[in-house]
PDB file of N, CA and C in Angstrom:
ATOM      1  N   LEU A   1     178.309  98.179  73.811  1.00  0.00           N
ATOM      2  CA  LEU A   1     179.405  99.119  73.763  1.00  0.00           C
ATOM      3  C   LEU A   1     180.526  98.617  72.858  1.00  0.00           C
ATOM      4  N   GLU A   2     180.715  97.309  72.823  1.00  0.00           N
ATOM      5  CA  GLU A   2     181.742  96.753  71.941  1.00  0.00           C
ATOM      6  C   GLU A   2     181.467  97.091  70.484  1.00  0.00           C
ATOM      7  N   ARG A   3     180.193  97.084  70.106  1.00  0.00           N
ATOM      8  CA  ARG A   3     179.824  97.358  68.718  1.00  0.00           C
ATOM      9  C   ARG A   3     179.697  98.855  68.459  1.00  0.00           C
ATOM     10  N   GLN A   4     180.052  99.670  69.451  1.00  0.00           N
ATOM     11  CA  GLN A   4     179.967 101.114  69.368  1.00  0.00           C
ATOM     12  C   GLN A   4     178.565 101.556  68.961  1.00  0.00           C
ATOM     13  N   ALA A   5     177.605 101.108  69.739  1.00  0.00           N
ATOM     14  CA  ALA A   5     176.210 101.462  69.494  1.00  0.00           C
ATOM     15  C   ALA A   5     176.017 102.958  69.693  1.00  0.00           C
ATOM     16  N   SER A   6     175.067 103.509  68.980  1.00  0.00           N
ATOM     17  CA  SER A   6     174.777 104.931  69.126  1.00  0.00           C
ATOM     18  C   SER A   6     174.090 105.180  70.461  1.00  0.00           C
ATOM     19  N   LEU A   7     174.096 106.415  70.878  1.00  0.00           N
ATOM     20  CA  LEU A   7     173.454 106.792  72.133  1.00  0.00           C
ATOM     21  C   LEU A   7     171.962 106.465  72.095  1.00  0.00           C
ATOM     22  N   GLU A   8     171.342 106.669  70.935  1.00  0.00           N
ATOM     23  CA  GLU A   8     169.923 106.355  70.790  1.00  0.00           C
ATOM     24  C   GLU A   8     169.650 104.877  71.015  1.00  0.00           C
ATOM     25  N   ASN A   9     170.543 104.022  70.507  1.00  0.00           N
ATOM     26  CA  ASN A   9     170.380 102.576  70.703  1.00  0.00           C
ATOM     27  C   ASN A   9     170.551 102.192  72.167  1.00  0.00           C
ATOM     28  N   ILE A  10     171.490 102.833  72.839  1.00  0.00           N
ATOM     29  CA  ILE A  10     171.718 102.539  74.255  1.00  0.00           C
ATOM     30  C   ILE A  10     170.502 102.959  75.075  1.00  0.00           C
ATOM     31  N   VAL A  11     169.957 104.139  74.789  1.00  0.00           N
ATOM     32  CA  VAL A  11     168.785 104.638  75.515  1.00  0.00           C
ATOM     33  C   VAL A  11     167.569 103.747  75.237  1.00  0.00           C
ATOM     34  N   GLU A  12     167.414 103.322  73.997  1.00  0.00           N
ATOM     35  CA  GLU A  12     166.316 102.420  73.645  1.00  0.00           C
ATOM     36  C   GLU A  12     166.449 101.093  74.395  1.00  0.00           C
ATOM     37  N   TRP A  13     167.666 100.549  74.437  1.00  0.00           N
ATOM     38  CA  TRP A  13     167.919  99.303  75.172  1.00  0.00           C
ATOM     39  C   TRP A  13     167.594  99.468  76.647  1.00  0.00           C
ATOM     40  N   LEU A  14     168.020 100.585  77.231  1.00  0.00           N
ATOM     41  CA  LEU A  14     167.768 100.835  78.645  1.00  0.00           C
ATOM     42  C   LEU A  14     166.273 100.949  78.927  1.00  0.00           C
ATOM     43  N   GLY A  15     165.535 101.596  78.033  1.00  0.00           N
ATOM     44  CA  GLY A  15     164.081 101.693  78.190  1.00  0.00           C
ATOM     45  C   GLY A  15     163.413 100.329  78.165  1.00  0.00           C
ATOM     46  N   ARG A  16     163.843  99.477  77.221  1.00  0.00           N
ATOM     47  CA  ARG A  16     163.282  98.115  77.147  1.00  0.00           C
ATOM     48  C   ARG A  16     163.634  97.316  78.391  1.00  0.00           C
ATOM     49  N   LEU A  17     164.880  97.445  78.852  1.00  0.00           N
ATOM     50  CA  LEU A  17     165.318  96.738  80.049  1.00  0.00           C
ATOM     51  C   LEU A  17     164.491  97.168  81.257  1.00  0.00           C
ATOM     52  N   MET A  18     164.285  98.465  81.395  1.00  0.00           N
ATOM     53  CA  MET A  18     163.526  98.981  82.536  1.00  0.00           C
ATOM     54  C   MET A  18     162.059  98.555  82.451  1.00  0.00           C
ATOM     55  N   ASN A  19     161.470  98.625  81.266  1.00  0.00           N
ATOM     56  CA  ASN A  19     160.080  98.167  81.098  1.00  0.00           C
ATOM     57  C   ASN A  19     159.928  96.716  81.525  1.00  0.00           C
ATOM     58  N   HIS A  20     160.841  95.884  81.058  1.00  0.00           N
ATOM     59  CA  HIS A  20     160.781  94.455  81.369  1.00  0.00           C
ATOM     60  C   HIS A  20     160.944  94.224  82.872  1.00  0.00           C
ATOM     61  N   ALA A  21     161.921  94.913  83.473  1.00  0.00           N
ATOM     62  CA  ALA A  21     162.185  94.724  84.905  1.00  0.00           C
ATOM     63  C   ALA A  21     161.004  95.199  85.753  1.00  0.00           C
ATOM     64  N   ILE A  22     160.447  96.350  85.419  1.00  0.00           N
ATOM     65  CA  ILE A  22     159.327  96.876  86.200  1.00  0.00           C
ATOM     66  C   ILE A  22     158.106  95.982  86.045  1.00  0.00           C
ATOM     67  N   LYS A  23     157.840  95.541  84.826  1.00  0.00           N
ATOM     68  CA  LYS A  23     156.692  94.646  84.612  1.00  0.00           C
ATOM     69  C   LYS A  23     156.853  93.370  85.434  1.00  0.00           C
ATOM     70  N   ARG A  24     158.066  92.830  85.458  1.00  0.00           N
ATOM     71  CA  ARG A  24     158.311  91.604  86.226  1.00  0.00           C
ATOM     72  C   ARG A  24     158.143  91.852  87.719  1.00  0.00           C
ATOM     73  N   LEU A  25     158.675  92.955  88.223  1.00  0.00           N
ATOM     74  CA  LEU A  25     158.545  93.258  89.648  1.00  0.00           C
ATOM     75  C   LEU A  25     157.091  93.468  90.046  1.00  0.00           C
ATOM     76  N   VAL A  26     156.319  94.080  89.159  1.00  0.00           N
ATOM     77  CA  VAL A  26     154.894  94.295  89.442  1.00  0.00           C
ATOM     78  C   VAL A  26     154.142  92.964  89.402  1.00  0.00           C
ATOM     79  N   ASP A  27     154.380  92.168  88.358  1.00  0.00           N
ATOM     80  CA  ASP A  27     153.637  90.917  88.172  1.00  0.00           C
ATOM     81  C   ASP A  27     154.038  89.835  89.182  1.00  0.00           C
ATOM     82  N   VAL A  28     155.320  89.651  89.389  1.00  0.00           N
ATOM     83  CA  VAL A  28     155.805  88.549  90.224  1.00  0.00           C
ATOM     84  C   VAL A  28     155.768  88.886  91.711  1.00  0.00           C
ATOM     85  N   TYR A  29     156.224  90.090  92.053  1.00  0.00           N
ATOM     86  CA  TYR A  29     156.358  90.434  93.466  1.00  0.00           C
ATOM     87  C   TYR A  29     155.241  91.331  93.987  1.00  0.00           C
ATOM     88  N   GLY A  30     154.357  91.770  93.105  1.00  0.00           N
ATOM     89  CA  GLY A  30     153.222  92.575  93.545  1.00  0.00           C
ATOM     90  C   GLY A  30     153.581  93.983  93.983  1.00  0.00           C
ATOM     91  N   LEU A  31     154.731  94.484  93.537  1.00  0.00           N
ATOM     92  CA  LEU A  31     155.114  95.849  93.880  1.00  0.00           C
ATOM     93  C   LEU A  31     154.334  96.848  93.033  1.00  0.00           C
ATOM     94  N   THR A  32     154.219  98.065  93.520  1.00  0.00           N
ATOM     95  CA  THR A  32     153.620  99.120  92.705  1.00  0.00           C
ATOM     96  C   THR A  32     154.639  99.550  91.659  1.00  0.00           C
ATOM     97  N   HIS A  33     154.169 100.314  90.679  1.00  0.00           N
ATOM     98  CA  HIS A  33     155.099 100.807  89.661  1.00  0.00           C
ATOM     99  C   HIS A  33     156.165 101.699  90.282  1.00  0.00           C
ATOM    100  N   GLU A  34     155.764 102.499  91.254  1.00  0.00           N
ATOM    101  CA  GLU A  34     156.712 103.395  91.913  1.00  0.00           C
ATOM    102  C   GLU A  34     157.772 102.592  92.681  1.00  0.00           C
ATOM    103  N   GLU A  35     157.336 101.588  93.414  1.00  0.00           N
ATOM    104  CA  GLU A  35     158.277 100.745  94.157  1.00  0.00           C
ATOM    105  C   GLU A  35     159.198  99.989  93.201  1.00  0.00           C
ATOM    106  N   SER A  36     158.636  99.533  92.094  1.00  0.00           N
ATOM    107  CA  SER A  36     159.437  98.807  91.104  1.00  0.00           C
ATOM    108  C   SER A  36     160.487  99.705  90.475  1.00  0.00           C
ATOM    109  N   ALA A  37     160.115 100.940  90.171  1.00  0.00           N
ATOM    110  CA  ALA A  37     161.070 101.886  89.588  1.00  0.00           C
ATOM    111  C   ALA A  37     162.186 102.185  90.582  1.00  0.00           C
ATOM    112  N   ARG A  38     161.832 102.337  91.850  1.00  0.00           N
ATOM    113  CA  ARG A  38     162.851 102.574  92.884  1.00  0.00           C
ATOM    114  C   ARG A  38     163.805 101.387  92.991  1.00  0.00           C
ATOM    115  N   GLU A  39     163.243 100.192  92.987  1.00  0.00           N
ATOM    116  CA  GLU A  39     164.063  98.978  93.086  1.00  0.00           C
ATOM    117  C   GLU A  39     164.999  98.859  91.890  1.00  0.00           C
ATOM    118  N   PHE A  40     164.502  99.157  90.699  1.00  0.00           N
ATOM    119  CA  PHE A  40     165.337  99.098  89.504  1.00  0.00           C
ATOM    120  C   PHE A  40     166.476 100.107  89.605  1.00  0.00           C
ATOM    121  N   TYR A  41     166.157 101.332  90.038  1.00  0.00           N
ATOM    122  CA  TYR A  41     167.188 102.365  90.149  1.00  0.00           C
ATOM    123  C   TYR A  41     168.233 101.994  91.207  1.00  0.00           C
ATOM    124  N   LEU A  42     167.779 101.407  92.297  1.00  0.00           N
ATOM    125  CA  LEU A  42     168.703 100.969  93.341  1.00  0.00           C
ATOM    126  C   LEU A  42     169.691  99.946  92.793  1.00  0.00           C
ATOM    127  N   ARG A  43     169.187  98.968  92.067  1.00  0.00           N
ATOM    128  CA  ARG A  43     170.060  97.942  91.495  1.00  0.00           C
ATOM    129  C   ARG A  43     170.980  98.528  90.423  1.00  0.00           C
ATOM    130  N   TRP A  44     170.430  99.405  89.574  1.00  0.00           N
ATOM    131  CA  TRP A  44     171.240 100.060  88.544  1.00  0.00           C
ATOM    132  C   TRP A  44     172.384 100.832  89.208  1.00  0.00           C
ATOM    133  N   SER A  45     172.064 101.580  90.251  1.00  0.00           N
ATOM    134  CA  SER A  45     173.068 102.392  90.932  1.00  0.00           C
ATOM    135  C   SER A  45     174.174 101.521  91.526  1.00  0.00           C
ATOM    136  N   TYR A  46     173.783 100.399  92.091  1.00  0.00           N
ATOM    137  CA  TYR A  46     174.770  99.493  92.680  1.00  0.00           C
ATOM    138  C   TYR A  46     175.753  99.000  91.615  1.00  0.00           C
ATOM    139  N   PHE A  47     175.227  98.496  90.491  1.00  0.00           N
ATOM    140  CA  PHE A  47     176.111  97.953  89.460  1.00  0.00           C
ATOM    141  C   PHE A  47     176.921  99.053  88.790  1.00  0.00           C
ATOM    142  N   ALA A  48     176.342 100.226  88.599  1.00  0.00           N
ATOM    143  CA  ALA A  48     177.085 101.341  88.002  1.00  0.00           C
ATOM    144  C   ALA A  48     178.221 101.769  88.922  1.00  0.00           C
ATOM    145  N   THR A  49     177.961 101.802  90.217  1.00  0.00           N
ATOM    146  CA  THR A  49     178.994 102.177  91.183  1.00  0.00           C
ATOM    147  C   THR A  49     180.127 101.148  91.184  1.00  0.00           C
ATOM    148  N   CYS A  50     179.786  99.888  91.132  1.00  0.00           N
ATOM    149  CA  CYS A  50     180.820  98.835  91.069  1.00  0.00           C
ATOM    150  C   CYS A  50     181.663  98.977  89.807  1.00  0.00           C
ATOM    151  N   PHE A  51     181.010  99.282  88.696  1.00  0.00           N
ATOM    152  CA  PHE A  51     181.706  99.443  87.421  1.00  0.00           C
ATOM    153  C   PHE A  51     182.666 100.633  87.481  1.00  0.00           C
ATOM    154  N   VAL A  52     182.187 101.763  87.990  1.00  0.00           N
ATOM    155  CA  VAL A  52     183.032 102.955  88.091  1.00  0.00           C
ATOM    156  C   VAL A  52     184.183 102.717  89.063  1.00  0.00           C
ATOM    157  N   ARG A  53     183.910 102.007  90.151  1.00  0.00           N
ATOM    158  CA  ARG A  53     184.971 101.692  91.109  1.00  0.00           C
ATOM    159  C   ARG A  53     186.079 100.879  90.438  1.00  0.00           C
ATOM    160  N   ASP A  54     185.683  99.868  89.653  1.00  0.00           N
ATOM    161  CA  ASP A  54     186.690  99.054  88.973  1.00  0.00           C
ATOM    162  C   ASP A  54     187.492  99.876  87.966  1.00  0.00           C
ATOM    163  N   LEU A  55     186.807 100.775  87.246  1.00  0.00           N
ATOM    164  CA  LEU A  55     187.526 101.645  86.315  1.00  0.00           C
ATOM    165  C   LEU A  55     188.529 102.518  87.054  1.00  0.00           C
ATOM    166  N   THR A  56     188.115 103.013  88.216  1.00  0.00           N
ATOM    167  CA  THR A  56     188.986 103.871  89.017  1.00  0.00           C
ATOM    168  C   THR A  56     190.194 103.091  89.523  1.00  0.00           C
ATOM    169  N   LEU A  57     189.956 101.911  90.060  1.00  0.00           N
ATOM    170  CA  LEU A  57     191.052 101.100  90.613  1.00  0.00           C
ATOM    171  C   LEU A  57     192.059 100.683  89.547  1.00  0.00           C
ATOM    172  N   ASN A  58     191.560 100.496  88.330  1.00  0.00           N
ATOM    173  CA  ASN A  58     192.447 100.081  87.240  1.00  0.00           C
ATOM    174  C   ASN A  58     193.007 101.265  86.460  1.00  0.00           C
ATOM    175  N   SER A  59     192.717 102.474  86.919  1.00  0.00           N
ATOM    176  CA  SER A  59     193.179 103.699  86.247  1.00  0.00           C
ATOM    177  C   SER A  59     192.870 103.667  84.752  1.00  0.00           C
ATOM    178  N   ALA A  60     191.658 103.290  84.434  1.00  0.00           N
ATOM    179  CA  ALA A  60     191.245 103.168  83.038  1.00  0.00           C
ATOM    180  C   ALA A  60     191.211 104.536  82.360  1.00  0.00           C
ATOM    181  N   PRO A  61     191.799 104.642  81.184  1.00  0.00           N
ATOM    182  CA  PRO A  61     191.782 105.925  80.471  1.00  0.00           C
ATOM    183  C   PRO A  61     190.374 106.328  80.024  1.00  0.00           C
ATOM    184  N   SER A  62     189.476 105.374  79.933  1.00  0.00           N
ATOM    185  CA  SER A  62     188.107 105.651  79.484  1.00  0.00           C
ATOM    186  C   SER A  62     187.186 106.007  80.648  1.00  0.00           C
ATOM    187  N   PHE A  63     187.735 106.188  81.847  1.00  0.00           N
ATOM    188  CA  PHE A  63     186.925 106.456  83.025  1.00  0.00           C
ATOM    189  C   PHE A  63     185.968 107.623  82.814  1.00  0.00           C
ATOM    190  N   GLY A  64     186.463 108.739  82.334  1.00  0.00           N
ATOM    191  CA  GLY A  64     185.646 109.941  82.177  1.00  0.00           C
ATOM    192  C   GLY A  64     184.459 109.723  81.255  1.00  0.00           C
ATOM    193  N   SER A  65     184.686 109.053  80.142  1.00  0.00           N
ATOM    194  CA  SER A  65     183.610 108.808  79.177  1.00  0.00           C
ATOM    195  C   SER A  65     182.529 107.917  79.771  1.00  0.00           C
ATOM    196  N   TYR A  66     182.953 106.840  80.409  1.00  0.00           N
ATOM    197  CA  TYR A  66     181.976 105.933  81.003  1.00  0.00           C
ATOM    198  C   TYR A  66     181.255 106.583  82.177  1.00  0.00           C
ATOM    199  N   HIS A  67     181.961 107.378  82.950  1.00  0.00           N
ATOM    200  CA  HIS A  67     181.338 108.045  84.088  1.00  0.00           C
ATOM    201  C   HIS A  67     180.235 108.984  83.606  1.00  0.00           C
ATOM    202  N   LEU A  68     180.516 109.772  82.578  1.00  0.00           N
ATOM    203  CA  LEU A  68     179.492 110.673  82.032  1.00  0.00           C
ATOM    204  C   LEU A  68     178.306 109.899  81.468  1.00  0.00           C
ATOM    205  N   LEU A  69     178.582 108.808  80.772  1.00  0.00           N
ATOM    206  CA  LEU A  69     177.511 107.986  80.214  1.00  0.00           C
ATOM    207  C   LEU A  69     176.639 107.412  81.324  1.00  0.00           C
ATOM    208  N   LEU A  70     177.259 106.903  82.379  1.00  0.00           N
ATOM    209  CA  LEU A  70     176.491 106.325  83.485  1.00  0.00           C
ATOM    210  C   LEU A  70     175.682 107.388  84.221  1.00  0.00           C
ATOM    211  N   LEU A  71     176.215 108.583  84.371  1.00  0.00           N
ATOM    212  CA  LEU A  71     175.451 109.667  84.993  1.00  0.00           C
ATOM    213  C   LEU A  71     174.223 110.010  84.150  1.00  0.00           C
ATOM    214  N   MET A  72     174.420 110.108  82.844  1.00  0.00           N
ATOM    215  CA  MET A  72     173.306 110.422  81.955  1.00  0.00           C
ATOM    216  C   MET A  72     172.242 109.312  81.986  1.00  0.00           C
ATOM    217  N   LEU A  73     172.675 108.073  81.942  1.00  0.00           N
ATOM    218  CA  LEU A  73     171.728 106.963  81.969  1.00  0.00           C
ATOM    219  C   LEU A  73     171.002 106.883  83.309  1.00  0.00           C
ATOM    220  N   GLY A  74     171.689 107.192  84.398  1.00  0.00           N
ATOM    221  CA  GLY A  74     171.042 107.234  85.706  1.00  0.00           C
ATOM    222  C   GLY A  74     169.944 108.290  85.756  1.00  0.00           C
ATOM    223  N   ASP A  75     170.221 109.455  85.190  1.00  0.00           N
ATOM    224  CA  ASP A  75     169.193 110.507  85.124  1.00  0.00           C
ATOM    225  C   ASP A  75     168.022 110.073  84.254  1.00  0.00           C
ATOM    226  N   TYR A  76     168.319 109.383  83.170  1.00  0.00           N
ATOM    227  CA  TYR A  76     167.256 108.894  82.291  1.00  0.00           C
ATOM    228  C   TYR A  76     166.384 107.868  83.009  1.00  0.00           C
ATOM    229  N   ILE A  77     166.999 107.024  83.813  1.00  0.00           N
ATOM    230  CA  ILE A  77     166.235 106.039  84.591  1.00  0.00           C
ATOM    231  C   ILE A  77     165.320 106.753  85.577  1.00  0.00           C
ATOM    232  N   LEU A  78     165.822 107.792  86.233  1.00  0.00           N
ATOM    233  CA  LEU A  78     164.980 108.564  87.155  1.00  0.00           C
ATOM    234  C   LEU A  78     163.799 109.188  86.414  1.00  0.00           C
ATOM    235  N   TYR A  79     164.072 109.724  85.231  1.00  0.00           N
ATOM    236  CA  TYR A  79     163.002 110.305  84.418  1.00  0.00           C
ATOM    237  C   TYR A  79     161.955 109.250  84.061  1.00  0.00           C
ATOM    238  N   LEU A  80     162.406 108.099  83.590  1.00  0.00           N
ATOM    239  CA  LEU A  80     161.464 107.032  83.231  1.00  0.00           C
ATOM    240  C   LEU A  80     160.669 106.560  84.443  1.00  0.00           C
ATOM    241  N   GLY A  81     161.334 106.465  85.589  1.00  0.00           N
ATOM    242  CA  GLY A  81     160.637 106.056  86.808  1.00  0.00           C
ATOM    243  C   GLY A  81     159.526 107.024  87.160  1.00  0.00           C
ATOM    244  N   GLU A  82     159.801 108.321  87.068  1.00  0.00           N
ATOM    245  CA  GLU A  82     158.770 109.332  87.319  1.00  0.00           C
ATOM    246  C   GLU A  82     157.657 109.239  86.289  1.00  0.00           C
ATOM    247  N   LEU A  83     158.029 109.013  85.041  1.00  0.00           N
ATOM    248  CA  LEU A  83     157.033 108.888  83.974  1.00  0.00           C
ATOM    249  C   LEU A  83     156.122 107.692  84.218  1.00  0.00           C
ATOM    250  N   TYR A  84     156.698 106.541  84.549  1.00  0.00           N
ATOM    251  CA  TYR A  84     155.901 105.339  84.808  1.00  0.00           C
ATOM    252  C   TYR A  84     155.002 105.518  86.021  1.00  0.00           C
ATOM    253  N   SER A  85     155.527 106.160  87.051  1.00  0.00           N
ATOM    254  CA  SER A  85     154.732 106.392  88.257  1.00  0.00           C
ATOM    255  C   SER A  85     153.550 107.300  87.964  1.00  0.00           C
ATOM    256  N   SER A  86     153.784 108.356  87.219  1.00  0.00           N
ATOM    257  CA  SER A  86     152.690 109.270  86.910  1.00  0.00           C
ATOM    258  C   SER A  86     151.663 108.620  85.985  1.00  0.00           C
ATOM    259  N   GLN A  87     152.114 107.782  85.054  1.00  0.00           N
ATOM    260  CA  GLN A  87     151.177 107.073  84.185  1.00  0.00           C
ATOM    261  C   GLN A  87     150.340 106.081  84.978  1.00  0.00           C
ATOM    262  N   ALA A  88     150.950 105.393  85.923  1.00  0.00           N
ATOM    263  CA  ALA A  88     150.213 104.443  86.760  1.00  0.00           C
ATOM    264  C   ALA A  88     149.198 105.179  87.628  1.00  0.00           C
ATOM    265  N   MET A  89     149.592 106.327  88.167  1.00  0.00           N
ATOM    266  CA  MET A  89     148.679 107.110  88.987  1.00  0.00           C
ATOM    267  C   MET A  89     147.524 107.638  88.150  1.00  0.00           C
ATOM    268  N   GLU A  90     147.825 108.093  86.946  1.00  0.00           N
ATOM    269  CA  GLU A  90     146.780 108.578  86.048  1.00  0.00           C
ATOM    270  C   GLU A  90     145.789 107.476  85.710  1.00  0.00           C
ATOM    271  N   GLU A  91     146.302 106.289  85.433  1.00  0.00           N
ATOM    272  CA  GLU A  91     145.433 105.150  85.111  1.00  0.00           C
ATOM    273  C   GLU A  91     144.566 104.775  86.305  1.00  0.00           C
ATOM    274  N   SER A  92     145.153 104.796  87.494  1.00  0.00           N
ATOM    275  CA  SER A  92     144.404 104.486  88.705  1.00  0.00           C
ATOM    276  C   SER A  92     143.280 105.502  88.929  1.00  0.00           C
ATOM    277  N   LEU A  93     143.581 106.770  88.767  1.00  0.00           N
ATOM    278  CA  LEU A  93     142.561 107.810  88.926  1.00  0.00           C
ATOM    279  C   LEU A  93     141.473 107.685  87.870  1.00  0.00           C
ATOM    280  N   ARG A  94     141.874 107.377  86.641  1.00  0.00           N
ATOM    281  CA  ARG A  94     140.900 107.216  85.552  1.00  0.00           C
ATOM    282  C   ARG A  94     139.962 106.044  85.857  1.00  0.00           C
ATOM    283  N   THR A  95     140.514 104.950  86.371  1.00  0.00           N
ATOM    284  CA  THR A  95     139.707 103.783  86.724  1.00  0.00           C
ATOM    285  C   THR A  95     138.730 104.113  87.846  1.00  0.00           C
ATOM    286  N   LYS A  96     139.184 104.848  88.847  1.00  0.00           N
ATOM    287  CA  LYS A  96     138.314 105.222  89.951  1.00  0.00           C
ATOM    288  C   LYS A  96     137.195 106.139  89.498  1.00  0.00           C
ATOM    289  N   LEU A  97     137.492 107.022  88.558  1.00  0.00           N
ATOM    290  CA  LEU A  97     136.470 107.937  88.049  1.00  0.00           C
ATOM    291  C   LEU A  97     135.434 107.206  87.217  1.00  0.00           C
ATOM    292  N   GLU A  98     135.873 106.174  86.470  1.00  0.00           N
ATOM    293  CA  GLU A  98     134.949 105.408  85.644  1.00  0.00           C
ATOM    294  C   GLU A  98     134.012 104.556  86.487  1.00  0.00           C
ATOM    295  N   VAL A  99     134.480 104.124  87.641  1.00  0.00           N
ATOM    296  CA  VAL A  99     133.658 103.290  88.530  1.00  0.00           C
ATOM    297  C   VAL A  99     132.496 104.091  89.087  1.00  0.00           C
ATOM    298  N   ARG A 100     132.728 105.354  89.382  1.00  0.00           N
ATOM    299  CA  ARG A 100     131.696 106.206  89.977  1.00  0.00           C
ATOM    300  C   ARG A 100     130.745 106.610  88.963  1.00  0.00           C
TER     301      ARG A 100
END
C-alpha cells in the first residue's frame, strides 16, 4: 500500500498468499482444502477487524477507503475458498472414477 500498488497487484498478492497458506495447512496439519480455506478466512477476518478497529479509534480519514478495500478482499477470499474447494472435490471425484 505504501508503494500505491494497483488493485490487480493487491489481488494477485492475496491469491499467492492464500495459495501458500492453504497448501501449508493441508501439508503440515492435514486439513482438507475446505477446512484450510475456512481457517485462512477466519484469520484474515480477525486481522482485518483489528485493522478497521484501530482506524476507527484513531479517527483515520482513510477509514472509508480501507474499509471498502477490506470488504472487497474478504469477498475475494470467499470466492477463492469456494473455487479451491470445488477444484479439490472435482479432483477427488475424478480420482475415484479413474480407480473404478
